């Protein structure tokens, strides 16, 4: 089983079934890789995170801790 599939199955725990939608499953490793690729392409300009597009505080904080944001 792939890591993404395992992450998806973990997200389907009983706790998530009682959560109110909307909710999402995010591959954090892929998110970090995508953010790092954006930083390389934008270099040396800093990137502004569109906080209205990313409504998850934990994801926003994770990206803003990266160099280049």
Protein backbone atom coordinates (compact mmCIF):
# COMPACT_ATOMS: atom_id res chain seq x y z
CA UNK A 1 0.00 0.00 0.00
CA UNK A 2 1.35 3.43 -0.89
CA UNK A 3 2.02 6.01 1.77
CA UNK A 4 -0.72 8.25 0.34
CA UNK A 5 -3.23 5.40 0.50
CA UNK A 6 -2.24 4.62 4.09
CA UNK A 7 -2.64 8.28 5.02
CA UNK A 8 -6.09 8.32 3.43
CA UNK A 9 -7.16 5.23 5.37
CA UNK A 10 -5.89 6.75 8.64
CA UNK A 11 -7.94 9.86 7.89
CA UNK A 12 -11.07 7.72 7.69
CA UNK A 13 -10.92 6.91 11.39
CA UNK A 14 -14.15 7.08 13.40
CA UNK A 15 -13.12 10.55 14.62
CA UNK A 16 -13.18 11.98 11.09
CA UNK A 17 -16.59 10.40 10.45
CA UNK A 18 -18.02 12.53 13.25
CA UNK A 19 -16.34 15.72 12.01
CA UNK A 20 -18.42 18.30 10.26
CA UNK A 21 -17.60 18.80 6.57
CA UNK A 22 -15.87 20.29 4.76
CA UNK A 23 -12.64 18.47 5.52
CA UNK A 24 -9.72 17.29 3.43
CA UNK A 25 -6.87 14.82 3.38
CA UNK A 26 -3.54 16.50 2.64
CA UNK A 27 -0.29 14.76 1.78
CA UNK A 28 2.00 16.99 3.84
CA UNK A 29 5.17 15.67 2.18
CA UNK A 30 3.77 16.59 -1.24
CA UNK A 31 2.66 19.98 0.11
CA UNK A 32 6.20 20.69 1.37
CA UNK A 33 7.72 19.53 -1.93
CA UNK A 34 5.34 21.76 -3.91
CA UNK A 35 6.09 24.75 -1.67
CA UNK A 36 9.85 24.15 -2.02
CA UNK A 37 9.50 24.00 -5.82
CA UNK A 38 7.63 27.31 -5.78
CA UNK A 39 10.39 28.89 -3.69
CA UNK A 40 13.05 27.69 -6.15
CA UNK A 41 11.12 29.15 -9.11
CA UNK A 42 10.42 32.46 -7.34
CA UNK A 43 13.95 32.92 -6.04
CA UNK A 44 14.93 35.55 -4.87
CA UNK A 45 11.41 37.00 -4.51
CA UNK A 46 9.47 36.01 -1.37
CA UNK A 47 6.13 34.26 -1.82
CA UNK A 48 2.94 35.53 -0.20
CA UNK A 49 0.62 32.80 0.98
CA UNK A 50 -3.02 33.29 -0.05
CA UNK A 51 -4.53 32.70 3.38
CA UNK A 52 -8.06 32.89 1.98
CA UNK A 53 -7.26 29.87 -0.18
CA UNK A 54 -5.66 27.85 2.64
CA UNK A 55 -8.24 27.73 5.43
CA UNK A 56 -6.35 25.28 7.62
CA UNK A 57 -4.26 26.97 10.30
CA UNK A 58 -1.85 24.03 10.66
CA UNK A 59 -1.08 24.01 6.92
CA UNK A 60 -0.68 27.78 6.83
CA UNK A 61 1.73 27.70 9.77
CA UNK A 62 3.71 24.82 8.25
CA UNK A 63 4.21 26.69 4.97
CA UNK A 64 5.04 30.01 6.65
CA UNK A 65 7.79 28.30 8.69
CA UNK A 66 9.55 27.42 5.41
CA UNK A 67 12.26 29.70 4.03
CA UNK A 68 11.02 31.84 1.16
CA UNK A 69 7.55 32.56 2.55
